[in-house]
Amino acid sequence: MERDEKNHYPTFKALRGIDLNLLTVFEAVYIHKGIVNAAKVLNLTPSAISQSIQKLRATFPDPLFIRKGQGVTPTAYAAHLHEYISQGLESILCALDVNNNYDKERIITVASALSSGALLMPRIYSAIQKVNPKLSVRNVPIAESQLSQFQADIALDTRPHHGPGISSYKLYDDHLVAVCRHDHPNAELIFSANNHEMNYTFLIMQDDLVVDTRQLINEILPNRQVRFSSYNFLAIASMLSHSDLIGFMPYKIFEMFSGPFQLKTVECEKFSTVSLATTMHFNKLSSRDPILQEVIEAIIHEFEEV
């Protein structure tokens, strides 16, 4: 039986617009982590390697490599390409996405803190699957300069991400609550005006609480003693459930942990007025990538107020 040539036309059309020799250069730079080393391996000049990378950048909606020290580091999009290119020509065509083909696989990298990832990733994954079920999602720890260095496609954070190339969209507002175990013996006295013995009050501070929230805690409990701190709300919830510690966390995180760890809130009106915004950040160059742009729009739609 002869093959249906019409079914293969998109493949040939994609190949016609790409110099496959450039992919060899891409792999050399990716594996050897530098233009000079890649030039030696391929017996080319560093200038020729740089020109090839510039041509690839014009093909893909991403810079592919970012300078780091004496070498370069691949972006999240470059890592995605490498996984397919290294497997052969068929996988290369799956990775290109130049024709916006939705039957091709793609990995979307979403950076977040552990707690916000546990809270948000189910909804985000569901939103992505609705618009493109072929996409895979990779959740990675959040780090500084991830977006500007193209190490993640999307970042979810309570902290602001500044930069001329960064766009942001607020997903939702939350508020801070004080939390303790359900049978804490002195919880009702923590915020009492007559309470002058703070030695038994051990408070937990989570590192990425915004500055305004930290200042409010300092005003309400100026003599607190911090006995335990952690970046991980799961560790914080576990510590609270097994001690007389008092901790702080966003209310939505408390809702997630209150049942399994038998936690309760400690009433304090001042905390309810403090807004904690969780925001989605992404690089403005995402508009050049139709698949990533669709993902961003799907997430925005998922969190829009009804």
Protein backbone atom coordinates (compact mmCIF):
# COMPACT_ATOMS: atom_id res chain seq x y z
CA MET A 1 0.00 0.00 0.00
CA GLU A 2 1.37 3.39 -0.97
CA ARG A 3 1.72 6.01 1.71
CA ASP A 4 -0.65 8.94 1.67
CA GLU A 5 1.64 11.74 0.50
CA LYS A 6 -0.80 14.41 1.70
CA ASN A 7 -0.35 13.26 5.30
CA HIS A 8 3.38 13.86 5.03
CA TYR A 9 3.19 17.27 3.41
CA PRO A 10 3.32 19.23 6.72
CA THR A 11 6.51 17.33 7.62
CA PHE A 12 8.25 18.23 4.36
CA LYS A 13 7.03 21.81 4.62
CA ALA A 14 8.58 22.12 8.08
CA LEU A 15 11.87 20.59 6.94
CA ARG A 16 12.07 22.87 3.91
CA GLY A 17 12.17 25.95 6.15
CA ILE A 18 14.88 24.67 8.48
CA ASP A 19 18.57 24.03 7.90
CA LEU A 20 19.02 20.68 9.66
CA ASN A 21 22.77 21.32 9.90
CA LEU A 22 21.93 23.99 12.46
CA LEU A 23 20.52 21.30 14.76
CA THR A 24 23.94 19.64 14.83
CA VAL A 25 25.38 22.95 16.00
CA PHE A 26 22.62 23.24 18.59
CA GLU A 27 23.43 19.80 20.02
CA ALA A 28 27.17 20.55 20.16
CA VAL A 29 26.63 23.80 22.05
CA TYR A 30 24.09 22.14 24.37
CA ILE A 31 26.30 19.14 25.24
CA HIS A 32 29.61 21.03 25.50
CA LYS A 33 28.06 24.06 27.26
CA GLY A 34 29.89 26.62 25.18
CA ILE A 35 30.44 28.05 21.74
CA VAL A 36 34.24 27.64 21.79
CA ASN A 37 34.07 23.97 22.78
CA ALA A 38 31.37 23.29 20.19
CA ALA A 39 33.53 24.97 17.53
CA LYS A 40 36.44 22.66 18.36
CA VAL A 41 34.28 19.55 18.16
CA LEU A 42 32.71 20.55 14.83
CA ASN A 43 35.95 21.98 13.42
CA LEU A 44 34.30 25.37 12.87
CA THR A 45 35.12 28.87 14.03
CA PRO A 46 33.38 30.30 17.11
CA SER A 47 32.01 33.00 14.82
CA ALA A 48 30.34 30.38 12.61
CA ILE A 49 28.82 28.70 15.67
CA SER A 50 27.47 32.03 16.93
CA GLN A 51 25.93 32.78 13.53
CA SER A 52 24.25 29.37 13.50
CA ILE A 53 22.76 29.94 16.95
CA GLN A 54 21.46 33.34 15.79
CA LYS A 55 19.74 31.62 12.86
CA LEU A 56 18.14 29.11 15.22
CA ARG A 57 16.90 31.93 17.44
CA ALA A 58 15.12 33.39 14.43
CA THR A 59 13.43 30.01 13.90
CA PHE A 60 12.33 29.35 17.47
CA PRO A 61 10.52 31.75 19.86
CA ASP A 62 13.37 31.59 22.38
CA PRO A 63 17.04 32.69 22.81
CA LEU A 64 18.00 29.00 23.46
CA PHE A 65 21.25 29.78 25.33
CA ILE A 66 22.10 32.39 27.97
CA ARG A 67 25.67 33.46 28.79
CA LYS A 68 26.89 32.15 32.16
CA GLY A 69 30.49 32.68 33.22
CA GLN A 70 32.83 31.45 30.48
CA GLY A 71 30.15 29.33 28.86
CA VAL A 72 26.43 29.25 28.19
CA THR A 73 23.45 27.61 29.87
CA PRO A 74 20.43 26.31 27.94
CA THR A 75 16.95 27.76 28.48
CA ALA A 76 13.98 25.63 29.45
CA TYR A 77 12.89 25.66 25.82
CA ALA A 78 16.36 24.51 24.70
CA ALA A 79 16.22 21.61 27.17
CA HIS A 80 12.86 20.69 25.67
CA LEU A 81 14.39 20.66 22.16
CA HIS A 82 17.39 18.62 23.23
CA GLU A 83 15.24 15.80 24.59
CA TYR A 84 13.79 15.26 21.13
CA ILE A 85 16.76 16.09 18.92
CA SER A 86 18.90 13.54 20.73
CA GLN A 87 16.38 10.81 19.88
CA GLY A 88 16.51 11.27 16.14
CA LEU A 89 14.83 12.97 13.22
CA GLU A 90 11.27 11.92 14.05
CA SER A 91 11.57 13.31 17.55
CA ILE A 92 13.15 16.50 16.16
CA LEU A 93 10.02 17.18 14.13
CA CYS A 94 7.89 16.65 17.24
CA ALA A 95 9.88 19.30 19.07
CA LEU A 96 9.87 22.06 16.45
CA ASP A 97 6.27 23.30 16.79
CA VAL A 98 6.91 25.76 13.95
CA ASN A 99 3.53 25.00 12.35
CA ASN A 100 1.58 25.17 15.62
CA ASN A 101 0.66 21.49 15.27
CA TYR A 102 -1.29 20.40 18.34
CA ASP A 103 -0.61 16.70 17.82
CA LYS A 104 3.03 17.31 18.68
CA GLU A 105 4.31 16.90 22.22
CA ARG A 106 5.73 19.78 24.27
CA ILE A 107 6.87 20.28 27.86
CA ILE A 108 5.72 23.43 29.69
CA THR A 109 7.95 24.33 32.65
CA VAL A 110 6.14 26.00 35.58
CA ALA A 111 8.19 27.29 38.53
CA SER A 112 6.63 27.66 41.98
CA ALA A 113 7.24 27.31 45.69
CA LEU A 114 6.38 23.89 47.14
CA SER A 115 3.21 25.12 48.82
CA SER A 116 1.82 27.14 45.91
CA GLY A 117 2.68 24.29 43.57
CA ALA A 118 0.65 21.84 45.64
CA LEU A 119 -2.22 24.31 45.76
CA LEU A 120 -2.27 25.52 42.16
CA MET A 121 -0.81 22.85 39.89
CA PRO A 122 -3.96 20.65 39.76
CA ARG A 123 -6.01 23.59 38.42
CA ILE A 124 -3.25 24.73 36.07
CA TYR A 125 -2.70 21.23 34.72
CA SER A 126 -6.45 20.85 34.17
CA ALA A 127 -6.61 24.20 32.33
CA ILE A 128 -3.71 23.21 30.07
CA GLN A 129 -5.19 19.81 29.30
CA LYS A 130 -8.44 21.43 28.19
CA VAL A 131 -6.73 23.42 25.43
CA ASN A 132 -3.95 20.99 24.49
CA PRO A 133 -3.99 17.47 25.96
CA LYS A 134 -0.69 16.63 24.22
CA LEU A 135 1.24 19.03 26.45
CA SER A 136 3.27 17.77 29.41
CA VAL A 137 3.82 19.95 32.49
CA ARG A 138 7.03 20.07 34.54
CA ASN A 139 6.86 21.79 37.95
CA VAL A 140 10.25 23.06 39.21
CA PRO A 141 11.35 25.03 42.31
CA ILE A 142 11.20 28.77 41.90
CA ALA A 143 14.49 30.69 41.73
CA GLU A 144 15.72 34.20 41.04
CA SER A 145 16.01 35.33 37.40
CA GLN A 146 14.34 32.16 36.08
CA LEU A 147 12.16 34.03 33.61
CA SER A 148 14.75 36.54 32.43
CA GLN A 149 17.15 33.65 31.77
CA PHE A 150 14.39 31.53 30.16
CA GLN A 151 14.79 28.67 32.66
CA ALA A 152 11.01 28.45 33.08
CA ASP A 153 8.03 29.27 30.89
CA ILE A 154 5.83 30.45 33.79
CA ALA A 155 6.49 31.40 37.42
CA LEU A 156 3.88 31.40 40.22
CA ASP A 157 4.83 33.55 43.19
CA THR A 158 3.61 35.83 45.98
CA ARG A 159 6.67 38.00 45.45
CA PRO A 160 6.93 40.53 42.61
CA HIS A 161 9.07 39.76 39.57
CA HIS A 162 10.45 42.95 38.06
CA GLY A 163 12.01 43.48 34.68
CA PRO A 164 11.25 45.12 31.34
CA GLY A 165 10.71 41.73 29.72
CA ILE A 166 8.37 40.29 32.38
CA SER A 167 4.57 40.35 32.27
CA SER A 168 2.39 39.51 35.28
CA TYR A 169 -1.20 38.51 35.95
CA LYS A 170 -2.74 38.24 39.43
CA LEU A 171 -4.43 34.86 39.87
CA TYR A 172 -6.09 35.45 43.24
CA ASP A 173 -5.90 37.28 46.59
CA ASP A 174 -5.54 35.57 49.94
CA HIS A 175 -5.03 36.70 53.53
CA LEU A 176 -2.72 35.70 56.36
CA VAL A 177 -3.87 33.59 59.33
CA ALA A 178 -2.21 32.50 62.55
CA VAL A 179 -2.40 28.73 62.95
CA CYS A 180 -1.88 26.18 65.73
CA ARG A 181 -2.86 22.59 66.55
CA HIS A 182 -6.53 22.04 67.32
CA ASP A 183 -5.93 21.39 71.06
CA HIS A 184 -3.33 24.11 71.71
CA PRO A 185 -3.54 24.98 75.46
CA ASN A 186 -2.91 28.75 75.16
CA ALA A 187 -4.06 29.74 71.68
CA GLU A 188 -6.71 32.19 72.92
CA LEU A 189 -4.05 34.17 74.85
CA ILE A 190 -1.61 34.72 72.00
CA PHE A 191 -3.06 38.05 70.89
CA SER A 192 -4.42 39.10 74.27
CA ALA A 193 -3.66 42.68 75.30
CA ASN A 194 -2.89 41.45 78.81
CA ASN A 195 -0.45 38.84 77.63
CA HIS A 196 3.09 39.84 78.67
CA GLU A 197 4.62 36.38 78.88
CA MET A 198 5.62 35.56 75.34
CA ASN A 199 8.23 32.95 76.13
CA TYR A 200 5.82 30.09 75.46
CA THR A 201 4.82 31.59 72.12
CA PHE A 202 7.01 30.13 69.40
CA LEU A 203 6.21 31.58 66.00
CA ILE A 204 7.05 30.25 62.58
CA MET A 205 8.05 32.61 59.78
CA GLN A 206 7.90 31.45 56.19
CA ASP A 207 10.73 32.97 54.15
CA ASP A 208 8.76 34.32 51.19
CA LEU A 209 6.10 36.22 53.18
CA VAL A 210 6.00 39.71 51.73
CA VAL A 211 7.59 42.64 53.53
CA ASP A 212 4.27 44.26 54.55
CA THR A 213 3.16 41.01 56.19
CA ARG A 214 6.38 40.70 58.15
CA GLN A 215 5.99 44.26 59.39
CA LEU A 216 2.45 43.57 60.57
CA ILE A 217 3.58 40.50 62.52
CA ASN A 218 6.34 42.57 64.12
CA GLU A 219 3.78 45.19 65.21
CA ILE A 220 1.28 42.70 66.66
CA LEU A 221 3.85 40.47 68.36
CA PRO A 222 7.02 42.54 68.86
CA ASN A 223 8.47 40.17 71.49
CA ARG A 224 7.96 36.90 69.69
CA GLN A 225 10.57 34.18 69.65
CA VAL A 226 11.11 32.34 66.37
CA ARG A 227 11.91 28.74 67.26
CA PHE A 228 11.50 27.21 63.82
CA SER A 229 11.39 28.51 60.25
CA SER A 230 11.07 26.75 56.94
CA TYR A 231 10.49 27.40 53.23
CA ASN A 232 8.23 24.32 53.21
CA PHE A 233 4.63 24.70 54.44
CA LEU A 234 4.35 20.91 54.71
CA ALA A 235 7.14 20.92 57.29
CA ILE A 236 5.51 23.89 59.03
CA ALA A 237 2.12 22.14 59.24
CA SER A 238 3.74 19.02 60.63
CA MET A 239 5.63 21.01 63.28
CA LEU A 240 2.46 22.83 64.30
CA SER A 241 0.51 19.61 64.73
CA HIS A 242 3.15 18.11 67.04
CA SER A 243 3.99 21.11 69.23
CA ASP A 244 2.66 24.27 70.88
CA LEU A 245 4.16 26.42 68.14
CA ILE A 246 2.09 29.15 66.47
CA GLY A 247 2.65 29.70 62.76
CA PHE A 248 1.60 31.99 59.94
CA MET A 249 0.39 30.93 56.50
CA PRO A 250 -2.03 32.05 53.76
CA TYR A 251 -5.60 30.93 54.42
CA LYS A 252 -5.81 28.75 51.30
CA ILE A 253 -2.73 26.85 52.44
CA PHE A 254 -4.31 26.45 55.87
CA GLU A 255 -7.44 24.99 54.22
CA MET A 256 -5.29 22.43 52.44
CA PHE A 257 -3.45 21.33 55.61
CA SER A 258 -6.02 21.86 58.38
CA GLY A 259 -7.72 18.47 58.02
CA PRO A 260 -4.74 16.10 57.70
CA PHE A 261 -2.76 17.91 60.42
CA GLN A 262 -5.71 18.87 62.67
CA LEU A 263 -4.94 22.60 62.70
CA LYS A 264 -7.08 25.60 63.62
CA THR A 265 -6.77 29.35 63.18
CA VAL A 266 -6.13 31.83 65.98
CA GLU A 267 -8.48 34.79 65.60
CA CYS A 268 -6.85 38.15 64.86
CA GLU A 269 -8.79 40.82 62.93
CA LYS A 270 -5.69 42.65 61.71
CA PHE A 271 -4.57 39.67 59.66
CA SER A 272 -7.84 39.48 57.72
CA THR A 273 -7.20 42.91 56.20
CA VAL A 274 -3.82 41.97 54.72
CA SER A 275 -3.97 40.85 51.10
CA LEU A 276 -1.51 38.26 49.77
CA ALA A 277 -1.61 38.17 45.98
CA THR A 278 -0.46 35.10 44.07
CA THR A 279 0.66 36.13 40.61
CA MET A 280 1.58 34.37 37.39
CA HIS A 281 4.70 35.80 35.73
CA PHE A 282 5.95 35.08 32.23
CA ASN A 283 8.32 36.49 29.66
CA LYS A 284 6.84 38.97 27.18
CA LEU A 285 8.50 37.01 24.38
CA SER A 286 5.93 34.29 25.08
CA SER A 287 3.65 36.12 22.66
CA ARG A 288 5.90 34.81 19.87
CA ASP A 289 5.18 31.23 20.92
CA PRO A 290 1.57 30.37 19.98
CA ILE A 291 1.40 27.24 22.13
CA LEU A 292 2.77 28.94 25.24
CA GLN A 293 0.51 31.94 24.63
CA GLU A 294 -2.50 29.65 24.51
CA VAL A 295 -1.40 28.04 27.80
CA ILE A 296 -1.11 31.44 29.48
CA GLU A 297 -4.55 32.49 28.24
CA ALA A 298 -6.03 29.20 29.47
CA ILE A 299 -4.59 29.74 32.96
CA ILE A 300 -5.88 33.32 33.05
CA HIS A 301 -9.34 32.12 32.04
CA GLU A 302 -9.23 29.42 34.74
CA PHE A 303 -8.65 32.01 37.49
CA GLU A 304 -10.90 34.77 36.18
CA GLU A 305 -13.65 35.83 38.55
CA VAL A 306 -17.02 34.44 37.54
